[in-house]
Protein backbone atom coordinates (compact mmCIF):
# COMPACT_ATOMS: atom_id res chain seq x y z
CA UNK A 1 -55.05 -31.42 121.54
CA UNK A 2 -52.74 -28.45 120.93
CA UNK A 3 -52.06 -27.45 117.33
CA UNK A 4 -48.48 -28.14 116.14
CA UNK A 5 -46.18 -25.16 116.29
CA UNK A 6 -45.28 -23.61 112.93
CA UNK A 7 -41.68 -23.53 111.73
CA UNK A 8 -41.00 -19.89 110.83
CA UNK A 9 -37.60 -20.56 109.29
CA UNK A 10 -38.07 -20.40 105.53
CA UNK A 11 -40.87 -17.82 105.56
CA UNK A 12 -40.46 -14.61 103.57
CA UNK A 13 -40.96 -11.18 105.12
CA UNK A 14 -44.55 -11.02 103.86
CA UNK A 15 -45.28 -14.52 105.16
CA UNK A 16 -43.80 -13.65 108.54
CA UNK A 17 -46.01 -10.55 108.70
CA UNK A 18 -49.05 -12.72 107.93
CA UNK A 19 -47.98 -15.13 110.66
CA UNK A 20 -47.53 -12.32 113.19
CA UNK A 21 -51.17 -11.31 112.64
CA UNK A 22 -52.38 -14.86 113.26
CA UNK A 23 -50.90 -14.79 116.78
CA UNK A 24 -52.30 -11.35 117.61
CA UNK A 25 -49.24 -9.24 116.77
CA UNK A 26 -48.91 -6.26 114.46
CA UNK A 27 -47.64 -6.87 110.93
CA UNK A 28 -44.40 -4.99 111.52
CA UNK A 29 -43.35 -7.85 113.79
CA UNK A 30 -42.80 -9.81 110.59
CA UNK A 31 -39.99 -7.47 109.54
CA UNK A 32 -38.41 -7.81 112.97
CA UNK A 33 -38.61 -11.59 112.79
CA UNK A 34 -37.13 -11.55 109.28
CA UNK A 35 -34.14 -9.51 110.47
CA UNK A 36 -33.54 -11.76 113.47
CA UNK A 37 -33.88 -15.02 111.56
CA UNK A 38 -31.77 -14.19 108.52
CA UNK A 39 -29.65 -11.09 109.03
CA UNK A 40 -28.75 -11.89 112.65
CA UNK A 41 -29.11 -15.68 112.45
CA UNK A 42 -31.07 -16.09 115.68
CA UNK A 43 -31.57 -19.70 116.69
CA UNK A 44 -34.26 -19.00 119.29
CA UNK A 45 -36.90 -16.41 120.14
CA UNK A 46 -35.18 -15.59 123.44
CA UNK A 47 -32.35 -14.01 121.41
CA UNK A 48 -34.74 -11.44 119.87
CA UNK A 49 -34.10 -8.78 122.47
CA UNK A 50 -36.02 -5.94 120.83
CA UNK A 51 -39.26 -7.94 121.11
CA UNK A 52 -41.29 -7.64 124.30
CA UNK A 53 -41.41 -10.54 126.74
CA UNK A 54 -45.10 -11.08 125.86
CA UNK A 55 -44.34 -11.21 122.13
CA UNK A 56 -41.55 -13.71 122.68
CA UNK A 57 -43.88 -15.83 124.79
CA UNK A 58 -46.52 -15.83 122.03
CA UNK A 59 -43.90 -16.82 119.49
CA UNK A 60 -42.58 -19.61 121.68
CA UNK A 61 -46.10 -20.92 122.16
CA UNK A 62 -47.02 -20.82 118.47
CA UNK A 63 -43.79 -21.33 116.55
CA UNK A 64 -40.39 -22.97 116.35
CA UNK A 65 -37.15 -22.19 114.54
CA UNK A 66 -36.25 -25.60 113.17
CA UNK A 67 -33.02 -25.88 111.22
CA UNK A 68 -31.03 -28.84 109.85
CA UNK A 69 -28.77 -30.24 112.57
CA UNK A 70 -25.09 -30.94 111.96
CA UNK A 71 -24.16 -34.60 112.26
CA UNK A 72 -20.57 -34.69 111.03
CA UNK A 73 -18.23 -33.00 108.57
CA UNK A 74 -15.15 -33.81 106.55
CA UNK A 75 -12.51 -31.37 105.38
CA UNK A 76 -10.10 -31.93 102.51
CA UNK A 77 -6.47 -31.87 103.55
CA UNK A 78 -5.61 -30.71 100.01
CA UNK A 79 -7.83 -27.67 99.49
CA UNK A 80 -9.92 -27.19 102.68
CA UNK A 81 -13.21 -27.94 100.90
CA UNK A 82 -15.56 -29.02 103.67
CA UNK A 83 -18.55 -31.33 103.39
CA UNK A 84 -21.29 -31.16 106.02
CA UNK A 85 -23.85 -33.84 106.75
CA UNK A 86 -27.08 -32.38 108.11
CA UNK A 87 -29.91 -34.31 109.70
CA UNK A 88 -33.41 -33.03 108.93
CA UNK A 89 -36.26 -33.00 111.46
CA UNK A 90 -37.70 -36.26 110.09
CA UNK A 91 -34.36 -38.06 110.42
CA UNK A 92 -33.37 -37.93 106.75
CA UNK A 93 -30.03 -36.37 105.80
CA UNK A 94 -28.48 -34.15 103.12
CA UNK A 95 -24.96 -32.99 102.34
CA UNK A 96 -23.73 -29.43 101.80
CA UNK A 97 -20.28 -28.39 100.56
CA UNK A 98 -18.27 -25.27 101.39
CA UNK A 99 -15.76 -24.33 98.66
CA UNK A 100 -12.98 -21.89 99.60
CA UNK A 101 -11.93 -19.07 97.24
CA UNK A 102 -9.56 -19.97 94.38
CA UNK A 103 -10.64 -23.62 94.56
CA UNK A 104 -13.50 -23.86 92.06
CA UNK A 105 -11.56 -23.65 88.77
CA UNK A 106 -8.10 -24.28 87.35
CA UNK A 107 -6.08 -22.01 85.07
CA UNK A 108 -5.25 -18.31 85.01
CA UNK A 109 -8.28 -17.44 82.88
CA UNK A 110 -10.53 -18.32 85.83
CA UNK A 111 -9.10 -15.54 88.03
CA UNK A 112 -11.97 -13.19 87.18
CA UNK A 113 -14.71 -15.77 87.63
CA UNK A 114 -17.11 -14.77 90.38
CA UNK A 115 -17.16 -18.18 92.06
CA UNK A 116 -13.35 -18.36 92.00
CA UNK A 117 -13.04 -15.19 94.06
CA UNK A 118 -15.69 -15.93 96.68
CA UNK A 119 -16.59 -18.31 99.47
CA UNK A 120 -19.14 -20.60 97.84
CA UNK A 121 -21.68 -22.94 99.39
CA UNK A 122 -23.10 -25.80 97.34
CA UNK A 123 -26.64 -26.40 98.65
CA UNK A 124 -28.98 -29.40 98.36
CA UNK A 125 -32.65 -29.09 97.42
CA UNK A 126 -33.95 -32.69 97.67
CA UNK A 127 -33.25 -35.77 99.77
CA UNK A 128 -31.78 -37.93 97.03
CA UNK A 129 -32.78 -37.38 93.43
CA UNK A 130 -35.23 -39.09 91.06
CA UNK A 131 -33.33 -38.34 87.83
CA UNK A 132 -30.70 -41.09 88.07
CA UNK A 133 -27.97 -39.44 85.97
CA UNK A 134 -25.30 -42.05 85.26
CA UNK A 135 -22.39 -39.93 86.54
CA UNK A 136 -24.03 -38.70 89.77
CA UNK A 137 -23.84 -40.47 93.12
CA UNK A 138 -26.98 -38.81 94.46
CA UNK A 139 -29.19 -40.94 92.22
CA UNK A 140 -27.98 -44.04 94.06
CA UNK A 141 -29.97 -42.85 97.07
CA UNK A 142 -33.26 -42.88 95.19
CA UNK A 143 -35.62 -40.05 96.04
CA UNK A 144 -37.32 -39.35 99.38
CA UNK A 145 -38.73 -35.81 99.23
CA UNK A 146 -38.22 -32.15 98.45
CA UNK A 147 -36.66 -29.87 101.03
CA UNK A 148 -38.81 -26.98 102.19
CA UNK A 149 -37.41 -23.47 102.04
CA UNK A 150 -36.39 -23.46 105.70
CA UNK A 151 -34.30 -26.59 105.21
CA UNK A 152 -32.61 -24.99 102.21
CA UNK A 153 -31.85 -21.66 103.90
CA UNK A 154 -31.04 -23.52 107.12
CA UNK A 155 -28.05 -25.20 105.44
CA UNK A 156 -26.59 -21.77 104.74
CA UNK A 157 -27.26 -20.39 108.22
CA UNK A 158 -25.77 -23.44 109.91
CA UNK A 159 -22.59 -23.36 107.81
CA UNK A 160 -22.13 -19.66 108.56
CA UNK A 161 -22.45 -20.40 112.29
CA UNK A 162 -19.94 -23.24 112.08
CA UNK A 163 -17.41 -21.57 109.79
CA UNK A 164 -17.80 -18.14 111.38
CA UNK A 165 -17.44 -16.69 107.90
CA UNK A 166 -19.87 -14.94 105.57
CA UNK A 167 -20.95 -16.99 102.58
CA UNK A 168 -20.71 -14.88 99.42
CA UNK A 169 -21.84 -17.29 96.68
CA UNK A 170 -24.59 -19.91 96.58
CA UNK A 171 -24.78 -22.68 93.99
CA UNK A 172 -27.78 -24.99 93.87
CA UNK A 173 -25.68 -27.90 92.66
CA UNK A 174 -25.97 -30.26 95.64
CA UNK A 175 -28.32 -33.18 96.05
CA UNK A 176 -31.45 -33.11 93.91
CA UNK A 177 -32.91 -31.35 90.88
CA UNK A 178 -33.72 -27.77 91.95
CA UNK A 179 -36.35 -27.26 89.25
CA UNK A 180 -38.40 -30.16 90.61
CA UNK A 181 -38.61 -28.22 93.86
CA UNK A 182 -39.13 -24.89 92.13
CA UNK A 183 -41.36 -23.02 94.59
CA UNK A 184 -39.21 -23.81 97.64
CA UNK A 185 -35.99 -23.03 95.80
CA UNK A 186 -37.27 -19.67 94.55
CA UNK A 187 -38.64 -18.78 97.98
CA UNK A 188 -35.20 -19.63 99.41
CA UNK A 189 -33.56 -17.41 96.76
CA UNK A 190 -35.78 -14.49 97.80
CA UNK A 191 -34.76 -14.98 101.43
CA UNK A 192 -31.07 -15.32 100.51
CA UNK A 193 -31.17 -12.03 98.61
CA UNK A 194 -33.33 -10.03 101.03
CA UNK A 195 -32.27 -11.61 104.32
CA UNK A 196 -28.71 -12.86 103.85
CA UNK A 197 -27.74 -9.96 101.56
CA UNK A 198 -26.27 -12.20 98.87
CA UNK A 199 -26.95 -10.63 95.48
CA UNK A 200 -28.95 -12.62 92.94
CA UNK A 201 -26.00 -12.50 90.54
CA UNK A 202 -24.05 -14.52 93.12
CA UNK A 203 -26.64 -17.32 93.15
CA UNK A 204 -26.62 -20.08 90.52
CA UNK A 205 -29.38 -22.62 89.97
CA UNK A 206 -28.22 -25.71 88.08
CA UNK A 207 -30.71 -27.96 86.30
CA UNK A 208 -30.51 -31.22 84.37
CA UNK A 209 -32.75 -29.57 81.79
CA UNK A 210 -36.25 -29.14 83.27
CA UNK A 211 -37.42 -27.03 80.32
CA UNK A 212 -40.80 -25.92 81.67
CA UNK A 213 -39.24 -24.39 84.77
CA UNK A 214 -36.53 -22.67 82.72
CA UNK A 215 -39.31 -20.90 80.87
CA UNK A 216 -41.02 -20.08 84.17
CA UNK A 217 -37.80 -18.55 85.49
CA UNK A 218 -37.72 -16.32 82.42
CA UNK A 219 -41.39 -15.35 82.73
CA UNK A 220 -40.91 -14.46 86.40
CA UNK A 221 -37.72 -12.54 85.61
CA UNK A 222 -35.70 -14.46 88.18
CA UNK A 223 -32.34 -12.74 88.33
CA UNK A 224 -30.33 -15.70 89.63
CA UNK A 225 -27.88 -17.30 87.21
CA UNK A 226 -28.84 -20.40 85.24
CA UNK A 227 -26.57 -23.41 84.67
CA UNK A 228 -27.49 -26.50 82.66
CA UNK A 229 -25.97 -29.92 83.24
CA UNK A 230 -25.66 -30.83 79.56
CA UNK A 231 -22.95 -33.48 78.89
CA UNK A 232 -24.10 -34.07 75.33
CA UNK A 233 -25.92 -32.10 72.64
CA UNK A 234 -27.08 -35.34 70.96
CA UNK A 235 -30.24 -37.05 72.22
CA UNK A 236 -29.02 -40.62 71.71
CA UNK A 237 -25.96 -40.00 73.87
CA UNK A 238 -27.59 -37.76 76.44
CA UNK A 239 -30.49 -40.10 77.17
CA UNK A 240 -28.03 -42.80 78.30
CA UNK A 241 -26.23 -40.37 80.56
CA UNK A 242 -29.32 -38.45 81.68
CA UNK A 243 -32.70 -40.22 81.46
CA UNK A 244 -34.46 -36.85 81.88
CA UNK A 245 -33.79 -36.47 78.13
CA UNK A 246 -36.71 -38.85 77.54
CA UNK A 247 -38.98 -36.14 78.94
CA UNK A 248 -37.17 -33.10 77.58
CA UNK A 249 -35.18 -33.70 74.41
CA UNK A 250 -32.18 -31.59 73.51
CA UNK A 251 -34.45 -29.69 71.10
CA UNK A 252 -36.94 -29.01 73.93
CA UNK A 253 -34.12 -27.83 76.14
CA UNK A 254 -32.66 -25.56 73.47
CA UNK A 255 -36.06 -24.00 72.78
CA UNK A 256 -36.44 -23.24 76.49
CA UNK A 257 -32.93 -21.79 76.70
CA UNK A 258 -33.47 -19.58 73.68
CA UNK A 259 -36.71 -18.36 75.24
CA UNK A 260 -34.85 -17.73 78.50
CA UNK A 261 -32.10 -15.73 76.81
CA UNK A 262 -34.58 -13.70 74.77
CA UNK A 263 -36.38 -12.69 77.97
CA UNK A 264 -33.44 -12.35 80.35
CA UNK A 265 -30.42 -11.46 78.17
CA UNK A 266 -28.27 -13.43 80.59
CA UNK A 267 -25.57 -15.84 79.48
CA UNK A 268 -26.16 -19.51 80.32
CA UNK A 269 -23.55 -21.90 81.69
CA UNK A 270 -23.29 -25.39 80.20
CA UNK A 271 -21.72 -28.04 82.43
CA UNK A 272 -19.98 -30.95 80.72
CA UNK A 273 -18.01 -34.01 81.85
CA UNK A 274 -16.18 -35.75 79.00
CA UNK A 275 -16.29 -39.55 79.09
CA UNK A 276 -13.99 -41.79 77.08
CA UNK A 277 -15.66 -43.04 73.90
CA UNK A 278 -19.04 -41.58 74.89
CA UNK A 279 -19.16 -37.82 74.38
CA UNK A 280 -15.56 -37.04 73.45
CA UNK A 281 -15.83 -37.96 69.75
CA UNK A 282 -15.55 -35.43 66.89
CA UNK A 283 -19.29 -35.73 66.21
CA UNK A 284 -20.12 -34.98 69.84
CA UNK A 285 -17.73 -32.04 70.08
CA UNK A 286 -19.07 -30.54 66.83
CA UNK A 287 -22.64 -30.75 68.20
CA UNK A 288 -21.55 -29.07 71.43
CA UNK A 289 -19.88 -26.24 69.49
CA UNK A 290 -23.01 -25.69 67.39
CA UNK A 291 -25.18 -25.51 70.51
CA UNK A 292 -22.82 -23.18 72.38
CA UNK A 293 -22.73 -20.82 69.38
CA UNK A 294 -26.51 -20.85 69.13
CA UNK A 295 -27.08 -19.53 72.66
CA UNK A 296 -24.82 -16.98 74.38
CA UNK A 297 -23.12 -19.17 76.94
CA UNK A 298 -19.95 -20.39 78.57
CA UNK A 299 -18.87 -23.99 79.10
CA UNK A 300 -17.74 -25.32 82.46
CA UNK A 301 -15.73 -28.50 81.91
CA UNK A 302 -16.02 -30.72 84.97
CA UNK A 303 -13.36 -33.36 85.67
CA UNK A 304 -14.46 -36.99 85.92
CA UNK A 305 -15.11 -37.89 89.55
CA UNK A 306 -15.48 -41.50 90.55
CA UNK A 307 -18.73 -42.62 92.17
CA UNK A 308 -17.36 -46.12 92.69
CA UNK A 309 -18.24 -45.91 96.38
CA UNK A 310 -21.91 -46.25 95.34
CA UNK A 311 -21.18 -49.55 93.51
CA UNK A 312 -22.73 -48.40 90.23
CA UNK A 313 -24.03 -50.79 87.58
CA UNK A 314 -24.89 -50.52 83.88
CA UNK A 315 -23.79 -47.38 82.03
CA UNK A 316 -22.58 -45.73 85.24
CA UNK A 317 -20.15 -48.57 85.92
CA UNK A 318 -18.60 -48.28 82.46
CA UNK A 319 -17.91 -44.53 82.45
CA UNK A 320 -14.24 -43.52 82.37
CA UNK A 321 -12.53 -40.12 82.07
CA UNK A 322 -11.71 -39.01 78.55
CA UNK A 323 -8.04 -39.15 77.61
CA UNK A 324 -8.66 -36.28 75.17
CA UNK A 325 -9.67 -33.66 77.74
CA UNK A 326 -6.81 -31.22 77.15
CA UNK A 327 -7.22 -31.39 73.38
CA UNK A 328 -10.99 -30.90 73.62
CA UNK A 329 -10.64 -27.86 75.86
CA UNK A 330 -8.08 -26.40 73.47
CA UNK A 331 -10.35 -27.00 70.48
CA UNK A 332 -13.34 -25.38 72.19
CA UNK A 333 -11.25 -22.31 72.94
CA UNK A 334 -10.07 -22.21 69.33
CA UNK A 335 -13.75 -22.01 68.36
CA UNK A 336 -13.90 -18.74 70.34
CA UNK A 337 -16.04 -20.27 73.07
CA UNK A 338 -15.65 -19.27 76.70
CA UNK A 339 -14.42 -22.36 78.53
CA UNK A 340 -13.59 -22.84 82.20
CA UNK A 341 -12.22 -26.04 83.72
CA UNK A 342 -13.46 -26.83 87.19
CA UNK A 343 -11.01 -28.18 89.71
CA UNK A 344 -11.43 -31.49 91.49
CA UNK A 345 -11.70 -29.72 94.85
CA UNK A 346 -13.15 -32.04 97.46
CA UNK A 347 -12.57 -35.19 95.41
CA UNK A 348 -10.55 -36.76 98.22
CA UNK A 349 -13.56 -36.57 100.56
CA UNK A 350 -16.26 -37.41 97.98
CA UNK A 351 -17.40 -33.78 97.92
CA UNK A 352 -16.64 -32.92 94.28
CA UNK A 353 -19.25 -32.46 91.54
CA UNK A 354 -21.51 -35.50 91.33
CA UNK A 355 -20.22 -37.22 94.47
CA UNK A 356 -22.81 -36.26 97.07
CA UNK A 357 -24.72 -39.20 98.51
CA UNK A 358 -25.81 -40.38 101.94
CA UNK A 359 -25.44 -44.15 101.91
CA UNK A 360 -26.29 -46.65 104.62
CA UNK A 361 -28.01 -43.89 106.58
CA UNK A 362 -30.26 -45.87 108.86
CA UNK A 363 -29.30 -44.63 112.28
CA UNK A 364 -25.58 -45.33 111.96
CA UNK A 365 -22.79 -43.30 110.45
CA UNK A 366 -23.21 -42.86 106.67
CA UNK A 367 -20.87 -44.90 104.50
CA UNK A 368 -19.24 -41.93 102.82
CA UNK A 369 -18.67 -40.01 106.06
CA UNK A 370 -16.50 -42.59 107.82
CA UNK A 371 -13.46 -40.37 108.39
CA UNK A 372 -15.40 -37.43 109.82
CA UNK A 373 -14.19 -35.02 112.44
CA UNK A 374 -16.06 -32.25 114.29
CA UNK A 375 -16.70 -29.44 111.84
CA UNK A 376 -15.35 -26.56 113.94
CA UNK A 377 -12.12 -28.40 114.64
CA UNK A 378 -11.56 -28.94 110.89
CA UNK A 379 -12.25 -25.36 109.92
CA UNK A 380 -10.18 -23.78 112.68
CA UNK A 381 -7.24 -26.05 111.85
CA UNK A 382 -7.29 -25.58 108.08
CA UNK A 383 -8.65 -22.04 107.66
CA UNK A 384 -6.87 -20.24 110.48
C-alpha cells in the first residue's frame, strides 16, 4: 500500500528543505518550494516552472498542496466586509473575515491606527472553540480540533487569490483560542513573515488569557502583537463571561502580562465589550483603569454584537449592550488611557467581533450563510 502523500502547505523553509532531502532532492529545493508556495501562491507543482520535470514528478508523487476550499461568502452592503466559509479536507468548516481599510474603528483618533489603514484579514485557528465565552458565537459550535499551519496560512492565500489584493494585516481573532494551538499558530506566523512578507508588527494574536503561552511568547521573543480579550478586571464578573478565568485568574493573567512587557517592552491591547449591569458599573470601570495603568496598554472597546442566531441560553441570553458606553469611553480617556472604539463592521452579515460560527453544517448550507453569493462577484461589485 502506497504511503499517503504529505501536505507541504504549512511547512517552513527549513521543513521544506528537510522534505526535499527525503524525496532525493537537494536541500536548496526547499527554498524554491517556499517561494512558490507563499510568495507566488502556487496551487500546484506544475506551476513551479523553474523546477525540472523530474523534480516536479517526484513532488507530485510524494506530496500535495492542500488548502481550505471556498464554499461560499457574504459581503456587507454597508462596509464591504466579506466573510468567507472554507471547507477543510476532513469536511469541517471555518470562517475568515476580510476587513477593508478605514472600517475597523470609529472616530478621528483612530486614523493613525495600523489596522485602520490596512487591508486586514481575521483568521481562524480552531474548528469551534472550547472556551465557551458568553458573548462569542463560536463557542456554540463546541470544539472539534486545532487547525494545522497549512490550514491557517491557506485561509490567507485563498483570500488573496479571491480578492486579487495583497493582505497587509493579520489578526488571529477568528474562530478558536490561538494560544491553545500555539505551535501551529507560531509556525504560521513565521511563514506569514518570511513567505508572505507581512511584518510581525502587522500581525496580532488575541487570547482569552492563556497565561502560560503569554509567558512562552515572551521567552521566545515573538515579535507579533499581543491582544487580550479581557471584558472585566474582576474575577467574579469575568468568570461568568469567560470560564477560562477558572483556570487563569485575573491575577494570573496580570502576572503573565507584566512578565511579557518586562521581556518585550511592547504595549498590550485589552479588548472590552461593555454589558448593561454587568461590567459597566463604577466598581468595574475603576478596576479596569487600575489594570490599564499597571501595564502599558491601550483599550479597544468593542460594540455589543448579537449572537441571537445561535439561540444562546443562561448568561449569554441575558447580555445586553451597555447604555453608558459613550460616558465610559469618555471617562477612560479622561484617565489618560489610550482608547479606541471598534466599529460594527460586518455586523449585518454576522461577521463582526464574536459572531463567527458555522451552524447546522452537516452537508447542507450553514445556517448563518443563507444569503451567500459567489465571493468574486461580491468583491468585484463592491470593491471596484
